[in-house]
Amino acid sequence: MDRAHGKQDWAGAWLDYLKTQRKLSDHTTAAYGRDLRELAVLSEGREPAALNHFDIRRYAAKLHASGQDARTISRKLSCWRGFFDWLGGQTELAANPVEGVRAPKRARTLPKALAVDDAVQLVSTPARTAAAGSEPAELCSLAMFELLYSSGLRVSELCGLDLVFRKAEAGRGASAGWLERDNAEVVVTGKGGKMRRVPVGKAALAALDAWLAVRPAPADGSAALFLSARGSRMSPRVVQQRLKQHSLATGAPMHVHPHMLRHSFASHVLQSSGDLRAVQEMLGHSSISSTQVYTALDFQHLAQVYDKAHPRAKIK
């Protein structure tokens, strides 16, 4: 009982249940306790069983108006929902008042893309780093960076590329992706096992040729296009490390990861062509909605150009 008010302490009983029966950690239980105390404040001390669906919706709206983000509100609703599920087994609760109440939609964050000049400088500037201190390793890195930006590949697709197509053999599957140098294309297997062909630009082809001129035979017996210092197939983690060190060495305006080059590819092609469907095909998106996020990046670019160039844009 809540001695101060003569009420059953349902919140305390549920937290005790979580701790002793569900074996949740003290940290998690304490977090749930804070969320329930906030519910008590919002409901001005009303009995939990007296709350209804419209009350919970109003409380969620208040949380949003107070500046709490969608993720935080979603977490609190989840806590309250669990509490009322449990309470329904302890009392005659008509329905869980949190069911059907959703947090505000989370603001969709735009992917980060480099400016055109920054992207070109990044992928075309040699920079010896600790990870790529020898010439073959450096040429391999530059070829990978150029290809990521040239063709918008995922880092897993890049690492899965073979020098040429290999048929399935005993104990080895067929190539998931490969370079077709004469056609200036790469064939890759994307999400859902969907294969696609993507063009490779002249700068990337030149970087690939420079790498292939010094590429040793793979030590692991594969036909991998890109090799680690040990001669085995390149891993996504090593690509990330090399690109990070390369971006720092070349003075990039931000920390660059492989997917940022994919975003930059998509944004820059869309800025130049305006062809959303073509960008969708090259990225391997199954839905056009996944590609449409780059139209927002394109609009941001246009807005920046307008703000800098239009004679009336700077008037306050």
Protein backbone atom coordinates (compact mmCIF):
# COMPACT_ATOMS: atom_id res chain seq x y z
CA MET A 1 0.00 0.00 0.00
CA ASP A 2 1.01 3.63 -0.56
CA ARG A 3 0.76 4.76 3.07
CA ALA A 4 0.65 8.44 2.19
CA HIS A 5 -2.45 8.08 0.01
CA GLY A 6 -3.89 4.70 1.02
CA LYS A 7 -3.45 3.43 -2.51
CA GLN A 8 -2.01 0.20 -3.83
CA ASP A 9 1.52 0.86 -5.09
CA TRP A 10 1.09 -0.86 -8.46
CA ALA A 11 4.18 0.78 -9.93
CA GLY A 12 6.36 -0.45 -7.09
CA ALA A 13 4.89 -3.95 -7.35
CA TRP A 14 5.62 -4.10 -11.07
CA LEU A 15 9.18 -2.90 -10.62
CA ASP A 16 9.68 -5.53 -7.92
CA TYR A 17 8.30 -8.15 -10.32
CA LEU A 18 10.73 -7.04 -13.03
CA LYS A 19 13.65 -7.24 -10.64
CA THR A 20 12.85 -10.50 -8.85
CA GLN A 21 10.89 -12.49 -11.43
CA ARG A 22 12.14 -11.16 -14.76
CA LYS A 23 15.67 -10.67 -13.37
CA LEU A 24 16.12 -7.32 -15.10
CA SER A 25 19.16 -5.29 -14.14
CA ASP A 26 19.07 -2.52 -11.56
CA HIS A 27 19.85 -0.02 -14.32
CA THR A 28 16.88 -1.13 -16.45
CA THR A 29 14.53 -1.28 -13.50
CA ALA A 30 15.56 2.22 -12.43
CA ALA A 31 14.88 3.54 -15.92
CA TYR A 32 11.40 1.99 -15.88
CA GLY A 33 10.84 3.55 -12.48
CA ARG A 34 11.61 7.02 -13.84
CA ASP A 35 9.22 6.49 -16.74
CA LEU A 36 6.42 5.43 -14.38
CA ARG A 37 7.04 8.41 -12.11
CA GLU A 38 6.68 10.66 -15.14
CA LEU A 39 3.38 8.95 -15.95
CA ALA A 40 2.22 9.63 -12.38
CA VAL A 41 3.12 13.33 -12.76
CA LEU A 42 1.32 13.60 -16.09
CA SER A 43 -1.78 11.87 -14.71
CA GLU A 44 -1.66 14.03 -11.56
CA GLY A 45 -1.69 10.97 -9.32
CA ARG A 46 -4.78 9.27 -10.76
CA GLU A 47 -5.09 5.53 -10.33
CA PRO A 48 -3.46 3.73 -13.30
CA ALA A 49 -6.62 1.67 -13.84
CA ALA A 50 -8.58 4.90 -14.33
CA LEU A 51 -6.48 6.04 -17.31
CA ASN A 52 -7.77 5.53 -20.84
CA HIS A 53 -6.47 5.62 -24.39
CA PHE A 54 -7.15 9.34 -24.80
CA ASP A 55 -5.26 10.17 -21.62
CA ILE A 56 -2.16 8.37 -22.87
CA ARG A 57 -2.38 10.11 -26.24
CA ARG A 58 -2.59 13.46 -24.48
CA TYR A 59 0.42 12.62 -22.30
CA ALA A 60 2.45 11.60 -25.36
CA ALA A 61 1.55 14.91 -27.00
CA LYS A 62 2.69 16.79 -23.89
CA LEU A 63 6.03 14.98 -23.93
CA HIS A 64 6.48 15.91 -27.58
CA ALA A 65 5.54 19.55 -26.93
CA SER A 66 8.08 19.68 -24.10
CA GLY A 67 10.84 18.92 -26.59
CA GLN A 68 11.38 15.20 -26.00
CA ASP A 69 12.38 13.37 -29.16
CA ALA A 70 10.44 10.56 -30.80
CA ARG A 71 12.87 7.87 -29.67
CA THR A 72 12.51 8.86 -26.00
CA ILE A 73 8.72 9.03 -26.19
CA SER A 74 8.62 5.66 -27.93
CA ARG A 75 10.68 4.15 -25.11
CA LYS A 76 8.37 5.57 -22.46
CA LEU A 77 5.27 4.31 -24.24
CA SER A 78 6.87 0.88 -24.40
CA CYS A 79 7.46 0.97 -20.63
CA TRP A 80 3.91 2.08 -19.93
CA ARG A 81 2.52 -0.57 -22.27
CA GLY A 82 4.42 -3.29 -20.42
CA PHE A 83 3.21 -1.97 -17.08
CA PHE A 84 -0.45 -2.01 -18.14
CA ASP A 85 -0.06 -5.49 -19.65
CA TRP A 86 1.10 -6.69 -16.24
CA LEU A 87 -1.56 -4.66 -14.42
CA GLY A 88 -4.26 -6.34 -16.49
CA GLY A 89 -3.29 -9.62 -14.86
CA GLN A 90 -3.57 -8.14 -11.38
CA THR A 91 -6.80 -6.15 -11.65
CA GLU A 92 -9.92 -5.94 -13.78
CA LEU A 93 -8.46 -3.68 -16.44
CA ALA A 94 -10.84 -3.15 -19.35
CA ALA A 95 -8.04 -2.66 -21.87
CA ASN A 96 -4.43 -1.56 -22.12
CA PRO A 97 -4.75 2.24 -22.62
CA VAL A 98 -1.35 2.42 -24.36
CA GLU A 99 -2.32 0.04 -27.16
CA GLY A 100 -2.55 1.91 -30.45
CA VAL A 101 -0.77 5.00 -29.14
CA ARG A 102 2.28 5.76 -31.24
CA ALA A 103 5.14 8.11 -30.72
CA PRO A 104 5.58 10.99 -33.20
CA LYS A 105 7.38 9.96 -36.34
CA ARG A 106 11.11 10.19 -36.07
CA ALA A 107 12.67 12.84 -38.22
CA ARG A 108 14.39 11.11 -41.08
CA THR A 109 18.04 12.02 -41.01
CA LEU A 110 19.55 12.77 -44.37
CA PRO A 111 22.60 10.79 -45.42
CA LYS A 112 25.85 12.70 -45.26
CA ALA A 113 27.46 13.41 -48.61
CA LEU A 114 30.64 15.24 -49.52
CA ALA A 115 30.67 18.30 -51.73
CA VAL A 116 31.73 17.50 -55.30
CA ASP A 117 35.14 19.15 -54.99
CA ASP A 118 35.82 17.46 -51.66
CA ALA A 119 34.88 14.04 -53.02
CA VAL A 120 37.07 14.42 -56.10
CA GLN A 121 40.03 15.64 -54.04
CA LEU A 122 39.61 12.78 -51.57
CA VAL A 123 39.62 9.94 -54.07
CA SER A 124 42.24 11.39 -56.41
CA THR A 125 44.88 12.45 -53.86
CA PRO A 126 47.65 9.96 -53.05
CA ALA A 127 48.44 9.83 -49.34
CA ARG A 128 50.74 7.30 -47.77
CA THR A 129 49.28 6.16 -44.47
CA ALA A 130 50.21 3.64 -41.83
CA ALA A 131 47.75 1.21 -43.36
CA ALA A 132 48.93 1.77 -46.91
CA GLY A 133 52.58 2.61 -46.64
CA SER A 134 53.86 0.61 -49.60
CA GLU A 135 53.11 1.44 -53.20
CA PRO A 136 50.96 -1.63 -54.02
CA ALA A 137 48.83 -1.11 -50.91
CA GLU A 138 48.42 2.57 -51.67
CA LEU A 139 47.44 1.86 -55.28
CA CYS A 140 44.96 -0.73 -54.06
CA SER A 141 43.43 1.79 -51.66
CA LEU A 142 43.13 4.53 -54.26
CA ALA A 143 41.51 2.10 -56.71
CA MET A 144 38.98 1.09 -54.06
CA PHE A 145 38.17 4.69 -53.16
CA GLU A 146 37.77 5.71 -56.79
CA LEU A 147 35.50 2.73 -57.47
CA LEU A 148 33.33 3.38 -54.40
CA TYR A 149 32.72 6.94 -55.56
CA SER A 150 32.56 6.14 -59.26
CA SER A 151 29.94 3.39 -59.00
CA GLY A 152 28.21 3.90 -55.66
CA LEU A 153 28.98 0.41 -54.40
CA ARG A 154 28.33 -0.85 -50.90
CA VAL A 155 31.58 -1.77 -49.17
CA SER A 156 30.49 -5.43 -49.03
CA GLU A 157 29.92 -5.37 -52.79
CA LEU A 158 33.36 -3.84 -53.33
CA CYS A 159 35.09 -6.51 -51.25
CA GLY A 160 33.15 -9.27 -52.98
CA LEU A 161 34.46 -8.35 -56.44
CA ASP A 162 36.61 -10.83 -58.35
CA LEU A 163 39.06 -9.89 -61.07
CA VAL A 164 37.06 -11.96 -63.55
CA PHE A 165 33.97 -14.13 -63.33
CA ARG A 166 34.60 -17.56 -61.85
CA LYS A 167 32.23 -20.46 -62.28
CA ALA A 168 31.24 -22.59 -59.33
CA GLU A 169 33.82 -25.25 -58.52
CA ALA A 170 34.14 -27.99 -55.95
CA GLY A 171 33.93 -26.33 -52.57
CA ARG A 172 33.68 -22.84 -54.09
CA GLY A 173 30.65 -20.91 -55.32
CA ALA A 174 30.47 -18.79 -58.42
CA SER A 175 31.62 -15.18 -58.27
CA ALA A 176 29.21 -12.85 -56.48
CA GLY A 177 30.67 -9.88 -58.33
CA TRP A 178 33.37 -9.19 -60.86
CA LEU A 179 35.06 -6.55 -62.99
CA GLU A 180 34.37 -6.36 -66.72
CA ARG A 181 37.23 -4.07 -67.70
CA ASP A 182 36.51 -4.03 -71.42
CA ASN A 183 32.92 -3.00 -70.81
CA ALA A 184 33.88 -0.45 -68.14
CA GLU A 185 31.44 -2.11 -65.73
CA VAL A 186 31.28 -4.06 -62.52
CA VAL A 187 28.69 -6.73 -61.84
CA VAL A 188 27.70 -6.95 -58.17
CA THR A 189 25.26 -8.90 -56.03
CA GLY A 190 23.36 -6.55 -53.74
CA LYS A 191 20.77 -6.99 -51.04
CA GLY A 192 18.32 -9.81 -51.57
CA GLY A 193 20.71 -11.52 -53.97
CA LYS A 194 19.82 -9.02 -56.70
CA MET A 195 22.54 -8.66 -59.31
CA ARG A 196 23.15 -5.45 -61.22
CA ARG A 197 25.62 -3.89 -63.62
CA VAL A 198 27.10 -0.52 -62.78
CA PRO A 199 29.26 1.69 -65.02
CA VAL A 200 32.83 2.49 -63.98
CA GLY A 201 34.17 5.95 -64.78
CA LYS A 202 37.43 6.70 -66.56
CA ALA A 203 39.23 7.92 -63.43
CA ALA A 204 38.29 4.73 -61.59
CA LEU A 205 39.39 2.59 -64.55
CA ALA A 206 42.76 4.34 -64.58
CA ALA A 207 43.16 3.72 -60.83
CA LEU A 208 42.19 0.07 -61.31
CA ASP A 209 44.74 -0.33 -64.11
CA ALA A 210 47.45 1.12 -61.87
CA TRP A 211 46.54 -1.35 -59.12
CA LEU A 212 46.29 -4.34 -61.45
CA ALA A 213 49.77 -3.60 -62.78
CA VAL A 214 51.23 -4.39 -59.34
CA ARG A 215 48.55 -6.72 -57.92
CA PRO A 216 50.16 -9.94 -56.67
CA ALA A 217 48.58 -13.36 -57.02
CA PRO A 218 46.06 -13.86 -54.19
CA ALA A 219 47.54 -15.89 -51.35
CA ASP A 220 44.18 -17.46 -50.51
CA GLY A 221 43.64 -18.94 -53.97
CA SER A 222 40.69 -16.67 -54.69
CA ALA A 223 40.18 -14.39 -57.65
CA ALA A 224 39.63 -11.38 -55.38
CA LEU A 225 40.08 -8.03 -57.12
CA PHE A 226 41.25 -6.24 -53.99
CA LEU A 227 43.75 -7.81 -51.60
CA SER A 228 44.85 -7.10 -48.07
CA ALA A 229 48.51 -6.77 -47.09
CA ARG A 230 48.51 -10.54 -46.47
CA GLY A 231 47.27 -11.29 -49.94
CA SER A 232 43.78 -12.39 -48.91
CA ARG A 233 40.46 -10.90 -49.99
CA MET A 234 39.99 -7.37 -48.70
CA SER A 235 37.58 -7.03 -45.77
CA PRO A 236 35.07 -4.19 -45.21
CA ARG A 237 36.74 -3.36 -41.90
CA VAL A 238 40.13 -2.77 -43.54
CA VAL A 239 38.51 -0.60 -46.22
CA GLN A 240 36.90 1.50 -43.49
CA GLN A 241 40.20 1.90 -41.65
CA ARG A 242 42.13 2.84 -44.77
CA LEU A 243 39.52 5.36 -45.89
CA LYS A 244 39.40 6.93 -42.44
CA GLN A 245 43.18 7.35 -42.34
CA HIS A 246 43.24 8.57 -45.93
CA SER A 247 40.56 11.19 -45.27
CA LEU A 248 42.50 12.49 -42.26
CA ALA A 249 45.75 12.59 -44.24
CA THR A 250 44.18 14.51 -47.13
CA GLY A 251 42.39 17.04 -44.92
CA ALA A 252 38.82 16.00 -45.70
CA PRO A 253 36.27 18.30 -44.01
CA MET A 254 34.74 15.38 -42.06
CA HIS A 255 35.35 11.77 -41.10
CA VAL A 256 34.64 9.74 -44.24
CA HIS A 257 33.37 6.17 -44.27
CA PRO A 258 32.69 4.00 -47.35
CA HIS A 259 28.93 4.54 -47.31
CA MET A 260 29.50 8.30 -47.45
CA LEU A 261 31.12 7.81 -50.86
CA ARG A 262 28.01 5.88 -51.94
CA HIS A 263 25.83 8.76 -50.73
CA SER A 264 28.08 11.24 -52.51
CA PHE A 265 27.87 9.24 -55.74
CA ALA A 266 24.06 9.20 -55.60
CA SER A 267 23.74 12.86 -54.70
CA HIS A 268 26.17 14.08 -57.34
CA VAL A 269 24.72 11.97 -60.16
CA LEU A 270 21.23 13.16 -59.24
CA GLN A 271 22.37 16.79 -59.15
CA SER A 272 23.81 16.48 -62.64
CA SER A 273 21.17 14.30 -64.31
CA GLY A 274 17.97 14.62 -62.31
CA ASP A 275 17.26 10.99 -63.29
CA LEU A 276 15.99 9.36 -60.10
CA ARG A 277 15.22 6.03 -61.77
CA ALA A 278 18.74 5.70 -63.13
CA VAL A 279 20.22 6.41 -59.70
CA GLN A 280 17.86 3.80 -58.23
CA GLU A 281 19.10 1.18 -60.69
CA MET A 282 22.76 1.97 -60.09
CA LEU A 283 22.35 1.88 -56.31
CA GLY A 284 20.37 -1.37 -56.46
CA HIS A 285 17.42 -0.03 -54.46
CA SER A 286 14.34 -2.22 -54.75
CA SER A 287 12.07 0.72 -53.93
CA ILE A 288 12.21 4.22 -55.37
CA SER A 289 11.38 5.60 -51.90
CA SER A 290 14.85 4.58 -50.71
CA THR A 291 16.36 6.68 -53.48
CA GLN A 292 14.10 9.69 -53.01
CA VAL A 293 16.01 10.75 -49.90
CA TYR A 294 18.70 12.04 -52.26
CA THR A 295 16.24 14.52 -53.75
CA ALA A 296 16.32 16.25 -50.36
CA LEU A 297 20.10 16.44 -50.56
CA ASP A 298 19.77 17.83 -54.07
CA PHE A 299 17.32 20.47 -52.82
CA GLN A 300 19.73 21.41 -50.02
CA HIS A 301 22.44 21.91 -52.63
CA LEU A 302 20.17 24.09 -54.75
CA ALA A 303 19.13 26.10 -51.70
CA GLN A 304 22.77 26.74 -50.82
CA VAL A 305 23.52 27.87 -54.37
CA TYR A 306 20.48 30.17 -54.25
CA ASP A 307 21.48 31.67 -50.90
CA LYS A 308 24.95 32.44 -52.22
CA ALA A 309 24.02 33.63 -55.70
CA HIS A 310 20.62 35.34 -55.67
CA PRO A 311 20.91 39.11 -55.09
CA ARG A 312 17.79 39.15 -52.89
CA ALA A 313 18.58 36.03 -50.85
CA LYS A 314 20.88 37.84 -48.41
CA ILE A 315 18.45 40.61 -47.50
CA LYS A 316 17.34 40.33 -43.89
